[in-house]
C-alpha atoms as a PDB file:
ATOM      1  CA  MET A   1       0.000   0.000   0.000  1.00  0.00           C
ATOM      2  CA  VAL A   2       2.841   2.396   0.831  1.00  0.00           C
ATOM      3  CA  VAL A   3       4.540   1.815  -2.536  1.00  0.00           C
ATOM      4  CA  HIS A   4       1.176   2.286  -4.297  1.00  0.00           C
ATOM      5  CA  GLU A   5       0.552   5.646  -2.618  1.00  0.00           C
ATOM      6  CA  PHE A   6       4.184   6.697  -3.044  1.00  0.00           C
ATOM      7  CA  ALA A   7       3.807   6.043  -6.784  1.00  0.00           C
ATOM      8  CA  HIS A   8       0.762   8.344  -6.882  1.00  0.00           C
ATOM      9  CA  VAL A   9       2.761  11.049  -5.082  1.00  0.00           C
ATOM     10  CA  LEU A  10       5.628  10.531  -7.524  1.00  0.00           C
ATOM     11  CA  GLY A  11       3.167  10.814 -10.435  1.00  0.00           C
ATOM     12  CA  CYS A  12       1.875  14.075  -8.970  1.00  0.00           C
ATOM     13  CA  LEU A  13       5.417  15.420  -8.636  1.00  0.00           C
ATOM     14  CA  LEU A  14       6.282  14.408 -12.220  1.00  0.00           C
ATOM     15  CA  THR A  15       3.191  16.130 -13.616  1.00  0.00           C
ATOM     16  CA  GLY A  16       3.314  19.207 -11.404  1.00  0.00           C
ATOM     17  CA  THR A  17       0.049  18.320  -9.657  1.00  0.00           C
ATOM     18  CA  ARG A  18      -0.131  19.711  -6.132  1.00  0.00           C
ATOM     19  CA  VAL A  19      -0.546  17.134  -3.351  1.00  0.00           C
ATOM     20  CA  HIS A  20      -2.738  18.171  -0.417  1.00  0.00           C
ATOM     21  CA  LYS A  21      -2.725  15.117   1.846  1.00  0.00           C
ATOM     22  CA  VAL A  22      -1.327  11.602   1.897  1.00  0.00           C
ATOM     23  CA  LYS A  23      -2.488   8.781   4.151  1.00  0.00           C
ATOM     24  CA  TRP A  24       0.068   5.974   4.067  1.00  0.00           C
ATOM     25  CA  PHE A  25      -1.319   3.620   6.759  1.00  0.00           C
ATOM     26  CA  GLY A  26      -4.458   2.993   8.741  1.00  0.00           C
ATOM     27  CA  THR A  27      -7.375   0.678   9.277  1.00  0.00           C
ATOM     28  CA  SER A  28      -9.229   2.238   6.378  1.00  0.00           C
ATOM     29  CA  GLU A  29      -7.975   2.825   2.868  1.00  0.00           C
ATOM     30  CA  ALA A  30      -4.798   4.788   2.151  1.00  0.00           C
ATOM     31  CA  PHE A  31      -5.068   7.711  -0.273  1.00  0.00           C
ATOM     32  CA  VAL A  32      -3.463  10.721  -1.921  1.00  0.00           C
ATOM     33  CA  LYS A  33      -5.532  13.899  -2.202  1.00  0.00           C
ATOM     34  CA  HIS A  34      -4.311  16.222  -4.941  1.00  0.00           C
ATOM     35  CA  ASP A  35      -5.441  18.953  -7.300  1.00  0.00           C
ATOM     36  CA  LYS A  36      -7.559  17.894 -10.239  1.00  0.00           C
ATOM     37  CA  PRO A  37      -5.093  16.967 -12.995  1.00  0.00           C
ATOM     38  CA  GLY A  38      -5.409  17.317 -16.734  1.00  0.00           C
ATOM     39  CA  ALA A  39      -6.005  14.279 -18.925  1.00  0.00           C
ATOM     40  CA  LEU A  40      -2.413  13.145 -19.426  1.00  0.00           C
ATOM     41  CA  ALA A  41      -1.399  13.992 -15.856  1.00  0.00           C
ATOM     42  CA  GLY A  42      -4.410  12.057 -14.551  1.00  0.00           C
ATOM     43  CA  LEU A  43      -3.391   9.026 -16.575  1.00  0.00           C
ATOM     44  CA  ILE A  44       0.204   9.226 -15.342  1.00  0.00           C
ATOM     45  CA  ILE A  45      -0.890   9.579 -11.711  1.00  0.00           C
ATOM     46  CA  SER A  46      -3.348   6.694 -12.026  1.00  0.00           C
ATOM     47  CA  LEU A  47      -0.931   4.313 -13.746  1.00  0.00           C
ATOM     48  CA  ALA A  48       2.148   5.215 -11.677  1.00  0.00           C
ATOM     49  CA  PRO A  49       1.537   2.405  -9.124  1.00  0.00           C
ATOM     50  CA  PHE A  50       1.311  -0.137 -11.943  1.00  0.00           C
ATOM     51  CA  VAL A  51       4.607   0.974 -13.469  1.00  0.00           C
ATOM     52  CA  LEU A  52       6.524   1.432 -10.207  1.00  0.00           C
ATOM     53  CA  GLY A  53       5.099  -1.717  -8.618  1.00  0.00           C
ATOM     54  CA  ASN A  54       6.050  -3.881 -11.583  1.00  0.00           C
ATOM     55  CA  VAL A  55       9.520  -2.363 -12.021  1.00  0.00           C
ATOM     56  CA  LEU A  56      10.384  -2.648  -8.312  1.00  0.00           C
ATOM     57  CA  GLY A  57       8.721  -6.048  -8.052  1.00  0.00           C
ATOM     58  CA  PHE A  58      10.718  -7.412 -10.980  1.00  0.00           C
ATOM     59  CA  TRP A  59      13.956  -6.041  -9.506  1.00  0.00           C
ATOM     60  CA  PHE A  60      13.242  -7.641  -6.117  1.00  0.00           C
ATOM     61  CA  LEU A  61      12.367 -10.940  -7.792  1.00  0.00           C
ATOM     62  CA  GLN A  62      15.633 -10.890  -9.719  1.00  0.00           C
ATOM     63  CA  GLN A  63      17.548 -10.125  -6.520  1.00  0.00           C
ATOM     64  CA  SER A  64      15.758 -12.958  -4.757  1.00  0.00           C
ATOM     65  CA  PHE A  65      16.929 -15.502  -7.325  1.00  0.00           C
ATOM     66  CA  LEU A  66      20.488 -14.180  -7.091  1.00  0.00           C
ATOM     67  CA  SER A  67      20.280 -14.559  -3.299  1.00  0.00           C
ATOM     68  CA  PHE A  68      18.822 -18.065  -3.625  1.00  0.00           C
ATOM     69  CA  SER A  69      21.723 -19.118  -5.817  1.00  0.00           C
ATOM     70  CA  ALA A  70      24.110 -17.910  -3.087  1.00  0.00           C
ATOM     71  CA  TRP A  71      22.074 -19.662  -0.359  1.00  0.00           C
ATOM     72  CA  ASP A  72      21.315 -16.277   1.214  1.00  0.00           C
ATOM     73  CA  PHE A  73      18.266 -16.137   3.506  1.00  0.00           C
ATOM     74  CA  LEU A  74      17.550 -12.585   2.330  1.00  0.00           C
ATOM     75  CA  GLY A  75      16.316 -14.126  -0.923  1.00  0.00           C
ATOM     76  CA  ILE A  76      13.093 -15.165   0.806  1.00  0.00           C
ATOM     77  CA  VAL A  77      12.429 -11.576   1.895  1.00  0.00           C
ATOM     78  CA  PHE A  78      13.233 -10.248  -1.589  1.00  0.00           C
ATOM     79  CA  PHE A  79      10.985 -12.879  -3.180  1.00  0.00           C
ATOM     80  CA  TRP A  80       8.067 -12.080  -0.877  1.00  0.00           C
ATOM     81  CA  PHE A  81       8.455  -8.336  -1.394  1.00  0.00           C
ATOM     82  CA  GLY A  82       8.834  -8.662  -5.185  1.00  0.00           C
ATOM     83  CA  ALA A  83       5.890 -11.029  -5.575  1.00  0.00           C
ATOM     84  CA  SER A  84       3.734  -8.789  -3.363  1.00  0.00           C
ATOM     85  CA  LEU A  85       4.593  -5.686  -5.382  1.00  0.00           C
ATOM     86  CA  VAL A  86       3.810  -7.364  -8.697  1.00  0.00           C
ATOM     87  CA  LEU A  87       0.631  -8.934  -7.354  1.00  0.00           C
ATOM     88  CA  LEU A  88      -0.687  -5.640  -5.965  1.00  0.00           C
ATOM     89  CA  ALA A  89       0.609  -3.228  -8.628  1.00  0.00           C
ATOM     90  CA  PHE A  90      -2.666  -2.868 -10.478  1.00  0.00           C
ATOM     91  CA  PRO A  91      -4.538   0.424 -10.230  1.00  0.00           C
ATOM     92  CA  SER A  92      -7.632   0.442  -8.048  1.00  0.00           C
ATOM     93  CA  LYS A  93     -11.129   1.114  -9.322  1.00  0.00           C
ATOM     94  CA  GLU A  94     -10.760   4.691  -8.035  1.00  0.00           C
ATOM     95  CA  ASP A  95      -7.476   5.113  -9.935  1.00  0.00           C
ATOM     96  CA  ALA A  96      -9.099   4.043 -13.200  1.00  0.00           C
ATOM     97  CA  GLU A  97     -12.136   6.232 -12.551  1.00  0.00           C
ATOM     98  CA  ASN A  98      -9.874   9.243 -11.885  1.00  0.00           C
ATOM     99  CA  ALA A  99      -7.994   8.738 -15.169  1.00  0.00           C
ATOM    100  CA  PHE A 100     -11.237   8.245 -17.083  1.00  0.00           C
ATOM    101  CA  GLU A 101     -12.806  11.332 -15.484  1.00  0.00           C
ATOM    102  CA  ALA A 102      -9.761  13.459 -16.337  1.00  0.00           C
ATOM    103  CA  PHE A 103     -10.058  12.467 -20.009  1.00  0.00           C
ATOM    104  CA  VAL A 104     -13.835  12.982 -20.095  1.00  0.00           C
ATOM    105  CA  ASP A 105     -13.432  16.451 -18.572  1.00  0.00           C
ATOM    106  CA  SER A 106     -10.725  17.302 -21.079  1.00  0.00           C
ATOM    107  CA  TYR A 107     -12.817  16.167 -24.037  1.00  0.00           C
ATOM    108  CA  ARG A 108     -15.915  17.921 -22.678  1.00  0.00           C
ATOM    109  CA  GLU A 109     -13.953  21.158 -22.314  1.00  0.00           C
ATOM    110  CA  LYS A 110     -12.386  21.019 -25.774  1.00  0.00           C
ATOM    111  CA  ILE A 111     -15.548  19.958 -27.613  1.00  0.00           C
ATOM    112  CA  PHE A 112     -18.334  21.819 -25.795  1.00  0.00           C
ATOM    113  CA  ASP A 113     -16.678  24.997 -24.517  1.00  0.00           C
ATOM    114  CA  LYS A 114     -15.986  28.126 -26.556  1.00  0.00           C
ATOM    115  CA  ASN A 115     -13.378  26.771 -28.938  1.00  0.00           C
ATOM    116  CA  SER A 116     -13.120  27.164 -32.672  1.00  0.00           C
ATOM    117  CA  ILE A 117     -14.790  24.594 -34.885  1.00  0.00           C
ATOM    118  CA  LEU A 118     -11.334  23.364 -35.966  1.00  0.00           C
ATOM    119  CA  VAL A 119     -10.317  22.657 -32.359  1.00  0.00           C
ATOM    120  CA  LYS A 120     -13.608  20.860 -31.737  1.00  0.00           C
ATOM    121  CA  LEU A 121     -13.215  18.828 -34.922  1.00  0.00           C
ATOM    122  CA  ALA A 122      -9.610  17.930 -34.075  1.00  0.00           C
ATOM    123  CA  TRP A 123     -10.674  16.641 -30.660  1.00  0.00           C
ATOM    124  CA  LEU A 124     -13.608  14.726 -32.150  1.00  0.00           C
ATOM    125  CA  ILE A 125     -11.236  13.039 -34.591  1.00  0.00           C
ATOM    126  CA  THR A 126      -9.047  11.791 -31.720  1.00  0.00           C
ATOM    127  CA  ILE A 127     -11.896   9.914 -30.021  1.00  0.00           C
ATOM    128  CA  PRO A 128     -11.399   6.598 -31.901  1.00  0.00           C
ATOM    129  CA  PHE A 129      -7.591   6.824 -31.647  1.00  0.00           C
ATOM    130  CA  VAL A 130      -7.137   8.100 -28.090  1.00  0.00           C
ATOM    131  CA  PHE A 131     -10.299   7.984 -26.008  1.00  0.00           C
ATOM    132  CA  ILE A 132     -11.684   4.576 -27.009  1.00  0.00           C
ATOM    133  CA  PRO A 133      -8.309   2.771 -26.662  1.00  0.00           C
ATOM    134  CA  LEU A 134      -7.861   4.441 -23.268  1.00  0.00           C
ATOM    135  CA  VAL A 135     -11.238   3.130 -22.115  1.00  0.00           C
ATOM    136  CA  LEU A 136     -10.324  -0.359 -23.348  1.00  0.00           C
ATOM    137  CA  VAL A 137      -6.927  -0.323 -21.609  1.00  0.00           C
ATOM    138  CA  LEU A 138      -8.402   0.953 -18.333  1.00  0.00           C
ATOM    139  CA  GLY A 139     -11.134  -1.686 -18.563  1.00  0.00           C
ATOM    140  CA  PHE A 140      -8.560  -4.414 -19.180  1.00  0.00           C
ATOM    141  CA  ILE A 141      -6.494  -3.272 -16.204  1.00  0.00           C
ATOM    142  CA  LEU A 142      -9.615  -3.219 -14.034  1.00  0.00           C
ATOM    143  CA  LEU A 143     -10.189  -6.886 -14.870  1.00  0.00           C
ATOM    144  CA  PHE A 144      -7.038  -7.570 -12.866  1.00  0.00           C
ATOM    145  CA  ASN A 145      -8.459  -5.545  -9.992  1.00  0.00           C
ATOM    146  CA  TYR A 146     -11.540  -7.776  -9.812  1.00  0.00           C
ATOM    147  CA  ALA A 147     -10.104 -11.158 -10.889  1.00  0.00           C
ATOM    148  CA  PHE A 148      -7.430 -12.226  -8.423  1.00  0.00           C
ATOM    149  CA  PHE A 149      -6.640 -15.234 -10.619  1.00  0.00           C
ATOM    150  CA  LEU A 150      -5.395 -12.872 -13.355  1.00  0.00           C
ATOM    151  CA  ARG A 151      -3.122 -11.180 -10.820  1.00  0.00           C
ATOM    152  CA  LEU A 152      -1.720 -14.576  -9.881  1.00  0.00           C
ATOM    153  CA  VAL A 153      -1.037 -15.393 -13.525  1.00  0.00           C
ATOM    154  CA  TRP A 154       0.670 -12.005 -13.917  1.00  0.00           C
ATOM    155  CA  ALA A 155       2.823 -12.585 -10.832  1.00  0.00           C
ATOM    156  CA  VAL A 156       3.769 -16.118 -11.945  1.00  0.00           C
ATOM    157  CA  LEU A 157       4.838 -14.758 -15.351  1.00  0.00           C
ATOM    158  CA  PHE A 158       7.035 -12.155 -13.628  1.00  0.00           C
ATOM    159  CA  ILE A 159       8.529 -14.841 -11.381  1.00  0.00           C
ATOM    160  CA  ILE A 160       9.298 -17.076 -14.366  1.00  0.00           C
ATOM    161  CA  ILE A 161      10.896 -14.214 -16.318  1.00  0.00           C
ATOM    162  CA  ALA A 162      12.909 -13.037 -13.288  1.00  0.00           C
ATOM    163  CA  ALA A 163      14.151 -16.583 -12.655  1.00  0.00           C
ATOM    164  CA  GLY A 164      15.307 -16.977 -16.268  1.00  0.00           C
END
């Protein structure tokens, strides 16, 4: 959970989005409260835990197999941490909703506000190439949020690749 929230904070820092409050631990859900980001910034902030969790998880898994080959007990800790990161790297439902909302707001602003007809047309043209694929990707990622079996398959694939 800490790595997940840290990734959101990192995404906010990378996109220049102001962070108001971060809750790292607790009996209820952890969170990062920040300014409302633009479309691309919202996507980066929402997907940051997926990227960071998988990169760190893969590194820890690789280190675990190096430790195992040297009969080092630390390999067990690295393996557990790496597998946990990969298993839990997927964005939450709220993360996907935030990214989707940022894109909807951006499209609504560009198409329905006081912009020239050329700007509106340009944004309308991007819908099949940007907006629809984004919705499909976010939907696919959300499958992993709801189907734990898919997360297990993902983690096993990472373990196999890291061991190779």
